[in-house]
């Protein structure tokens, strides 16, 4: 079992609505991440979205439907 520190201090989730060849598609991405000290939620959302679009360029023009980031602890 990995610890939260090994995983990242926060877990996040984003969902998108994007166009493809046959219409609309709903996509979601999630992961763990450690934000930079002093970073805001808005900063985190933009940085994570930048990384998501880097990995999935077809989401560049997609509408982000939701974003959540929470401490990675129970």
PDB file of N, CA and C in Angstrom:
ATOM      1  N   UNK A   1       0.846  -1.180   0.000  1.00  0.00           N
ATOM      2  CA  UNK A   1       0.000   0.000   0.000  1.00  0.00           C
ATOM      3  C   UNK A   1       0.889   1.241   0.000  1.00  0.00           C
ATOM      4  N   UNK A   2       0.520   2.228  -0.804  1.00  0.00           N
ATOM      5  CA  UNK A   2       1.282   3.473  -0.851  1.00  0.00           C
ATOM      6  C   UNK A   2       0.681   4.485   0.110  1.00  0.00           C
ATOM      7  N   UNK A   3       1.494   5.420   0.536  1.00  0.00           N
ATOM      8  CA  UNK A   3       1.003   6.465   1.434  1.00  0.00           C
ATOM      9  C   UNK A   3       0.556   7.671   0.624  1.00  0.00           C
ATOM     10  N   UNK A   4      -0.175   8.567   1.264  1.00  0.00           N
ATOM     11  CA  UNK A   4      -0.650   9.782   0.595  1.00  0.00           C
ATOM     12  C   UNK A   4       0.524  10.615   0.095  1.00  0.00           C
ATOM     13  N   UNK A   5       1.630  10.635   0.839  1.00  0.00           N
ATOM     14  CA  UNK A   5       2.797  11.400   0.407  1.00  0.00           C
ATOM     15  C   UNK A   5       3.374  10.818  -0.877  1.00  0.00           C
ATOM     16  N   UNK A   6       3.445   9.480  -0.982  1.00  0.00           N
ATOM     17  CA  UNK A   6       3.925   8.850  -2.207  1.00  0.00           C
ATOM     18  C   UNK A   6       2.976   9.124  -3.366  1.00  0.00           C
ATOM     19  N   UNK A   7       1.698   9.263  -3.072  1.00  0.00           N
ATOM     20  CA  UNK A   7       0.694   9.500  -4.104  1.00  0.00           C
ATOM     21  C   UNK A   7       0.567  10.970  -4.458  1.00  0.00           C
ATOM     22  N   UNK A   8       0.832  11.842  -3.563  1.00  0.00           N
ATOM     23  CA  UNK A   8       0.544  13.265  -3.729  1.00  0.00           C
ATOM     24  C   UNK A   8      -0.356  13.679  -2.584  1.00  0.00           C
ATOM     25  N   UNK A   9      -0.308  14.922  -2.207  1.00  0.00           N
ATOM     26  CA  UNK A   9      -1.058  15.376  -1.035  1.00  0.00           C
ATOM     27  C   UNK A   9      -2.543  15.568  -1.304  1.00  0.00           C
ATOM     28  N   UNK A  10      -2.927  15.645  -2.584  1.00  0.00           N
ATOM     29  CA  UNK A  10      -4.323  15.892  -2.944  1.00  0.00           C
ATOM     30  C   UNK A  10      -4.773  14.926  -4.035  1.00  0.00           C
ATOM     31  N   UNK A  11      -6.047  14.601  -4.031  1.00  0.00           N
ATOM     32  CA  UNK A  11      -6.634  13.853  -5.140  1.00  0.00           C
ATOM     33  C   UNK A  11      -7.592  14.797  -5.864  1.00  0.00           C
ATOM     34  N   UNK A  12      -7.730  14.605  -7.179  1.00  0.00           N
ATOM     35  CA  UNK A  12      -8.534  15.524  -7.983  1.00  0.00           C
ATOM     36  C   UNK A  12      -9.349  14.752  -9.010  1.00  0.00           C
ATOM     37  N   UNK A  13     -10.380  15.414  -9.514  1.00  0.00           N
ATOM     38  CA  UNK A  13     -11.240  14.854 -10.559  1.00  0.00           C
ATOM     39  C   UNK A  13     -11.730  15.991 -11.442  1.00  0.00           C
ATOM     40  N   UNK A  14     -11.721  15.763 -12.753  1.00  0.00           N
ATOM     41  CA  UNK A  14     -12.267  16.712 -13.735  1.00  0.00           C
ATOM     42  C   UNK A  14     -13.167  15.944 -14.683  1.00  0.00           C
ATOM     43  N   UNK A  15     -14.255  16.567 -15.092  1.00  0.00           N
ATOM     44  CA  UNK A  15     -15.080  15.977 -16.152  1.00  0.00           C
ATOM     45  C   UNK A  15     -15.254  17.007 -17.260  1.00  0.00           C
ATOM     46  N   UNK A  16     -15.356  16.505 -18.484  1.00  0.00           N
ATOM     47  CA  UNK A  16     -15.405  17.341 -19.682  1.00  0.00           C
ATOM     48  C   UNK A  16     -16.524  16.884 -20.602  1.00  0.00           C
ATOM     49  N   UNK A  17     -17.003  17.812 -21.414  1.00  0.00           N
ATOM     50  CA  UNK A  17     -17.906  17.509 -22.516  1.00  0.00           C
ATOM     51  C   UNK A  17     -17.191  17.974 -23.775  1.00  0.00           C
ATOM     52  N   UNK A  18     -16.953  17.032 -24.689  1.00  0.00           N
ATOM     53  CA  UNK A  18     -16.177  17.336 -25.894  1.00  0.00           C
ATOM     54  C   UNK A  18     -16.913  16.848 -27.132  1.00  0.00           C
ATOM     55  N   UNK A  19     -16.594  17.456 -28.252  1.00  0.00           N
ATOM     56  CA  UNK A  19     -17.116  17.013 -29.551  1.00  0.00           C
ATOM     57  C   UNK A  19     -16.157  16.006 -30.159  1.00  0.00           C
ATOM     58  N   UNK A  20     -16.751  15.005 -30.814  1.00  0.00           N
ATOM     59  CA  UNK A  20     -15.942  14.092 -31.614  1.00  0.00           C
ATOM     60  C   UNK A  20     -16.648  13.862 -32.946  1.00  0.00           C
ATOM     61  N   UNK A  21     -16.189  12.900 -33.723  1.00  0.00           N
ATOM     62  CA  UNK A  21     -16.725  12.664 -35.061  1.00  0.00           C
ATOM     63  C   UNK A  21     -18.213  12.317 -35.070  1.00  0.00           C
ATOM     64  N   UNK A  22     -18.699  11.717 -34.010  1.00  0.00           N
ATOM     65  CA  UNK A  22     -20.100  11.275 -33.999  1.00  0.00           C
ATOM     66  C   UNK A  22     -21.002  12.102 -33.088  1.00  0.00           C
ATOM     67  N   UNK A  23     -20.485  13.155 -32.515  1.00  0.00           N
ATOM     68  CA  UNK A  23     -21.317  14.003 -31.653  1.00  0.00           C
ATOM     69  C   UNK A  23     -20.573  14.456 -30.416  1.00  0.00           C
ATOM     70  N   UNK A  24     -21.220  14.286 -29.275  1.00  0.00           N
ATOM     71  CA  UNK A  24     -20.638  14.711 -28.000  1.00  0.00           C
ATOM     72  C   UNK A  24     -20.178  13.501 -27.196  1.00  0.00           C
ATOM     73  N   UNK A  25     -19.151  13.706 -26.421  1.00  0.00           N
ATOM     74  CA  UNK A  25     -18.647  12.653 -25.557  1.00  0.00           C
ATOM     75  C   UNK A  25     -18.334  13.241 -24.179  1.00  0.00           C
ATOM     76  N   UNK A  26     -18.666  12.517 -23.152  1.00  0.00           N
ATOM     77  CA  UNK A  26     -18.301  12.908 -21.787  1.00  0.00           C
ATOM     78  C   UNK A  26     -17.011  12.179 -21.433  1.00  0.00           C
ATOM     79  N   UNK A  27     -16.073  12.912 -20.896  1.00  0.00           N
ATOM     80  CA  UNK A  27     -14.775  12.357 -20.517  1.00  0.00           C
ATOM     81  C   UNK A  27     -14.487  12.753 -19.076  1.00  0.00           C
ATOM     82  N   UNK A  28     -13.784  11.894 -18.358  1.00  0.00           N
ATOM     83  CA  UNK A  28     -13.355  12.295 -17.022  1.00  0.00           C
ATOM     84  C   UNK A  28     -11.915  11.870 -16.813  1.00  0.00           C
ATOM     85  N   UNK A  29     -11.254  12.601 -15.973  1.00  0.00           N
ATOM     86  CA  UNK A  29      -9.870  12.326 -15.607  1.00  0.00           C
ATOM     87  C   UNK A  29      -9.750  12.509 -14.101  1.00  0.00           C
ATOM     88  N   UNK A  30      -8.865  11.742 -13.485  1.00  0.00           N
ATOM     89  CA  UNK A  30      -8.620  11.897 -12.053  1.00  0.00           C
ATOM     90  C   UNK A  30      -7.187  11.489 -11.754  1.00  0.00           C
ATOM     91  N   UNK A  31      -6.718  11.912 -10.607  1.00  0.00           N
ATOM     92  CA  UNK A  31      -5.367  11.561 -10.218  1.00  0.00           C
ATOM     93  C   UNK A  31      -5.012  12.141  -8.867  1.00  0.00           C
ATOM     94  N   UNK A  32      -3.749  12.045  -8.542  1.00  0.00           N
ATOM     95  CA  UNK A  32      -3.238  12.621  -7.295  1.00  0.00           C
ATOM     96  C   UNK A  32      -2.131  13.589  -7.659  1.00  0.00           C
ATOM     97  N   UNK A  33      -1.914  14.554  -6.796  1.00  0.00           N
ATOM     98  CA  UNK A  33      -1.021  15.660  -7.141  1.00  0.00           C
ATOM     99  C   UNK A  33      -0.652  16.424  -5.887  1.00  0.00           C
ATOM    100  N   UNK A  34       0.516  17.019  -5.874  1.00  0.00           N
ATOM    101  CA  UNK A  34       0.943  17.883  -4.774  1.00  0.00           C
ATOM    102  C   UNK A  34       1.099  19.306  -5.303  1.00  0.00           C
ATOM    103  N   UNK A  35       0.228  20.227  -4.871  1.00  0.00           N
ATOM    104  CA  UNK A  35       0.335  21.607  -5.351  1.00  0.00           C
ATOM    105  C   UNK A  35       1.550  22.320  -4.758  1.00  0.00           C
ATOM    106  N   UNK A  36       1.976  23.347  -5.455  1.00  0.00           N
ATOM    107  CA  UNK A  36       3.055  24.209  -4.983  1.00  0.00           C
ATOM    108  C   UNK A  36       2.558  25.025  -3.788  1.00  0.00           C
ATOM    109  N   UNK A  37       3.430  25.266  -2.833  1.00  0.00           N
ATOM    110  CA  UNK A  37       3.084  26.068  -1.654  1.00  0.00           C
ATOM    111  C   UNK A  37       2.477  27.402  -2.079  1.00  0.00           C
ATOM    112  N   UNK A  38       1.352  27.771  -1.492  1.00  0.00           N
ATOM    113  CA  UNK A  38       0.697  29.044  -1.772  1.00  0.00           C
ATOM    114  C   UNK A  38      -0.228  29.029  -2.979  1.00  0.00           C
ATOM    115  N   UNK A  39      -0.317  27.906  -3.668  1.00  0.00           N
ATOM    116  CA  UNK A  39      -1.171  27.805  -4.848  1.00  0.00           C
ATOM    117  C   UNK A  39      -2.640  27.849  -4.433  1.00  0.00           C
ATOM    118  N   UNK A  40      -3.465  28.518  -5.220  1.00  0.00           N
ATOM    119  CA  UNK A  40      -4.903  28.566  -4.955  1.00  0.00           C
ATOM    120  C   UNK A  40      -5.602  27.412  -5.665  1.00  0.00           C
ATOM    121  N   UNK A  41      -6.872  27.201  -5.327  1.00  0.00           N
ATOM    122  CA  UNK A  41      -7.681  26.195  -6.028  1.00  0.00           C
ATOM    123  C   UNK A  41      -7.740  26.497  -7.512  1.00  0.00           C
ATOM    124  N   UNK A  42      -7.909  27.777  -7.842  1.00  0.00           N
ATOM    125  CA  UNK A  42      -7.987  28.194  -9.245  1.00  0.00           C
ATOM    126  C   UNK A  42      -6.674  27.900  -9.972  1.00  0.00           C
ATOM    127  N   UNK A  43      -5.551  28.207  -9.313  1.00  0.00           N
ATOM    128  CA  UNK A  43      -4.241  27.893  -9.894  1.00  0.00           C
ATOM    129  C   UNK A  43      -4.111  26.393 -10.135  1.00  0.00           C
ATOM    130  N   UNK A  44      -4.521  25.606  -9.143  1.00  0.00           N
ATOM    131  CA  UNK A  44      -4.434  24.148  -9.255  1.00  0.00           C
ATOM    132  C   UNK A  44      -5.291  23.644 -10.409  1.00  0.00           C
ATOM    133  N   UNK A  45      -6.513  24.149 -10.521  1.00  0.00           N
ATOM    134  CA  UNK A  45      -7.404  23.730 -11.606  1.00  0.00           C
ATOM    135  C   UNK A  45      -6.759  24.012 -12.959  1.00  0.00           C
ATOM    136  N   UNK A  46      -6.218  25.209 -13.135  1.00  0.00           N
ATOM    137  CA  UNK A  46      -5.607  25.566 -14.415  1.00  0.00           C
ATOM    138  C   UNK A  46      -4.367  24.731 -14.716  1.00  0.00           C
ATOM    139  N   UNK A  47      -3.541  24.475 -13.721  1.00  0.00           N
ATOM    140  CA  UNK A  47      -2.336  23.672 -13.936  1.00  0.00           C
ATOM    141  C   UNK A  47      -2.693  22.219 -14.251  1.00  0.00           C
ATOM    142  N   UNK A  48      -3.638  21.659 -13.512  1.00  0.00           N
ATOM    143  CA  UNK A  48      -4.038  20.276 -13.777  1.00  0.00           C
ATOM    144  C   UNK A  48      -4.679  20.172 -15.152  1.00  0.00           C
ATOM    145  N   UNK A  49      -5.518  21.135 -15.509  1.00  0.00           N
ATOM    146  CA  UNK A  49      -6.128  21.106 -16.846  1.00  0.00           C
ATOM    147  C   UNK A  49      -5.047  21.187 -17.927  1.00  0.00           C
ATOM    148  N   UNK A  50      -4.048  22.026 -17.726  1.00  0.00           N
ATOM    149  CA  UNK A  50      -2.944  22.122 -18.689  1.00  0.00           C
ATOM    150  C   UNK A  50      -2.269  20.764 -18.869  1.00  0.00           C
ATOM    151  N   UNK A  51      -2.052  20.048 -17.770  1.00  0.00           N
ATOM    152  CA  UNK A  51      -1.431  18.726 -17.841  1.00  0.00           C
ATOM    153  C   UNK A  51      -2.351  17.715 -18.522  1.00  0.00           C
ATOM    154  N   UNK A  52      -3.650  17.787 -18.219  1.00  0.00           N
ATOM    155  CA  UNK A  52      -4.622  16.880 -18.848  1.00  0.00           C
ATOM    156  C   UNK A  52      -4.656  17.110 -20.356  1.00  0.00           C
ATOM    157  N   UNK A  53      -4.723  18.368 -20.777  1.00  0.00           N
ATOM    158  CA  UNK A  53      -4.766  18.686 -22.212  1.00  0.00           C
ATOM    159  C   UNK A  53      -3.452  18.278 -22.882  1.00  0.00           C
ATOM    160  N   UNK A  54      -2.340  18.404 -22.180  1.00  0.00           N
ATOM    161  CA  UNK A  54      -1.065  17.944 -22.730  1.00  0.00           C
ATOM    162  C   UNK A  54      -1.081  16.455 -23.033  1.00  0.00           C
ATOM    163  N   UNK A  55      -1.740  15.683 -22.174  1.00  0.00           N
ATOM    164  CA  UNK A  55      -1.838  14.236 -22.368  1.00  0.00           C
ATOM    165  C   UNK A  55      -2.971  13.847 -23.312  1.00  0.00           C
ATOM    166  N   UNK A  56      -4.008  14.680 -23.407  1.00  0.00           N
ATOM    167  CA  UNK A  56      -5.185  14.410 -24.253  1.00  0.00           C
ATOM    168  C   UNK A  56      -5.533  15.690 -25.007  1.00  0.00           C
ATOM    169  N   UNK A  57      -4.790  16.017 -26.073  1.00  0.00           N
ATOM    170  CA  UNK A  57      -4.971  17.299 -26.771  1.00  0.00           C
ATOM    171  C   UNK A  57      -6.386  17.549 -27.282  1.00  0.00           C
ATOM    172  N   UNK A  58      -7.151  16.505 -27.565  1.00  0.00           N
ATOM    173  CA  UNK A  58      -8.523  16.693 -28.053  1.00  0.00           C
ATOM    174  C   UNK A  58      -9.427  17.332 -27.002  1.00  0.00           C
ATOM    175  N   UNK A  59      -8.976  17.422 -25.754  1.00  0.00           N
ATOM    176  CA  UNK A  59      -9.768  18.074 -24.709  1.00  0.00           C
ATOM    177  C   UNK A  59      -9.490  19.579 -24.617  1.00  0.00           C
ATOM    178  N   UNK A  60      -8.619  20.100 -25.470  1.00  0.00           N
ATOM    179  CA  UNK A  60      -8.262  21.524 -25.409  1.00  0.00           C
ATOM    180  C   UNK A  60      -9.481  22.430 -25.564  1.00  0.00           C
ATOM    181  N   UNK A  61     -10.412  22.059 -26.426  1.00  0.00           N
ATOM    182  CA  UNK A  61     -11.604  22.880 -26.660  1.00  0.00           C
ATOM    183  C   UNK A  61     -12.837  22.350 -25.940  1.00  0.00           C
ATOM    184  N   UNK A  62     -12.658  21.351 -25.102  1.00  0.00           N
ATOM    185  CA  UNK A  62     -13.785  20.758 -24.378  1.00  0.00           C
ATOM    186  C   UNK A  62     -14.257  21.689 -23.263  1.00  0.00           C
ATOM    187  N   UNK A  63     -15.533  21.599 -22.949  1.00  0.00           N
ATOM    188  CA  UNK A  63     -16.083  22.334 -21.803  1.00  0.00           C
ATOM    189  C   UNK A  63     -15.800  21.529 -20.537  1.00  0.00           C
ATOM    190  N   UNK A  64     -15.193  22.166 -19.550  1.00  0.00           N
ATOM    191  CA  UNK A  64     -14.997  21.493 -18.269  1.00  0.00           C
ATOM    192  C   UNK A  64     -16.303  21.592 -17.495  1.00  0.00           C
ATOM    193  N   UNK A  65     -16.867  20.451 -17.159  1.00  0.00           N
ATOM    194  CA  UNK A  65     -18.144  20.421 -16.446  1.00  0.00           C
ATOM    195  C   UNK A  65     -17.958  20.488 -14.937  1.00  0.00           C
ATOM    196  N   UNK A  66     -16.893  19.873 -14.448  1.00  0.00           N
ATOM    197  CA  UNK A  66     -16.677  19.896 -13.001  1.00  0.00           C
ATOM    198  C   UNK A  66     -15.197  19.728 -12.691  1.00  0.00           C
ATOM    199  N   UNK A  67     -14.831  20.213 -11.522  1.00  0.00           N
ATOM    200  CA  UNK A  67     -13.477  20.056 -11.001  1.00  0.00           C
ATOM    201  C   UNK A  67     -13.579  19.964  -9.491  1.00  0.00           C
ATOM    202  N   UNK A  68     -12.839  19.028  -8.915  1.00  0.00           N
ATOM    203  CA  UNK A  68     -12.775  18.931  -7.460  1.00  0.00           C
ATOM    204  C   UNK A  68     -11.358  18.535  -7.077  1.00  0.00           C
ATOM    205  N   UNK A  69     -10.879  19.093  -6.004  1.00  0.00           N
ATOM    206  CA  UNK A  69      -9.588  18.713  -5.437  1.00  0.00           C
ATOM    207  C   UNK A  69      -9.747  18.697  -3.923  1.00  0.00           C
ATOM    208  N   UNK A  70      -9.266  17.633  -3.316  1.00  0.00           N
ATOM    209  CA  UNK A  70      -9.411  17.443  -1.871  1.00  0.00           C
ATOM    210  C   UNK A  70      -8.105  16.907  -1.301  1.00  0.00           C
ATOM    211  N   UNK A  71      -7.844  17.154  -0.021  1.00  0.00           N
ATOM    212  CA  UNK A  71      -6.688  16.527   0.610  1.00  0.00           C
ATOM    213  C   UNK A  71      -6.790  15.003   0.470  1.00  0.00           C
ATOM    214  N   UNK A  72      -5.665  14.366   0.233  1.00  0.00           N
ATOM    215  CA  UNK A  72      -5.630  12.930  -0.011  1.00  0.00           C
ATOM    216  C   UNK A  72      -5.475  12.158   1.301  1.00  0.00           C
ATOM    217  N   UNK A  73      -6.371  12.423   2.229  1.00  0.00           N
ATOM    218  CA  UNK A  73      -6.382  11.718   3.512  1.00  0.00           C
ATOM    219  C   UNK A  73      -7.816  11.393   3.887  1.00  0.00           C
ATOM    220  N   UNK A  74      -7.973  10.411   4.732  1.00  0.00           N
ATOM    221  CA  UNK A  74      -9.303  10.069   5.260  1.00  0.00           C
ATOM    222  C   UNK A  74      -9.337  10.321   6.745  1.00  0.00           C
TER     223      UNK A  74
END
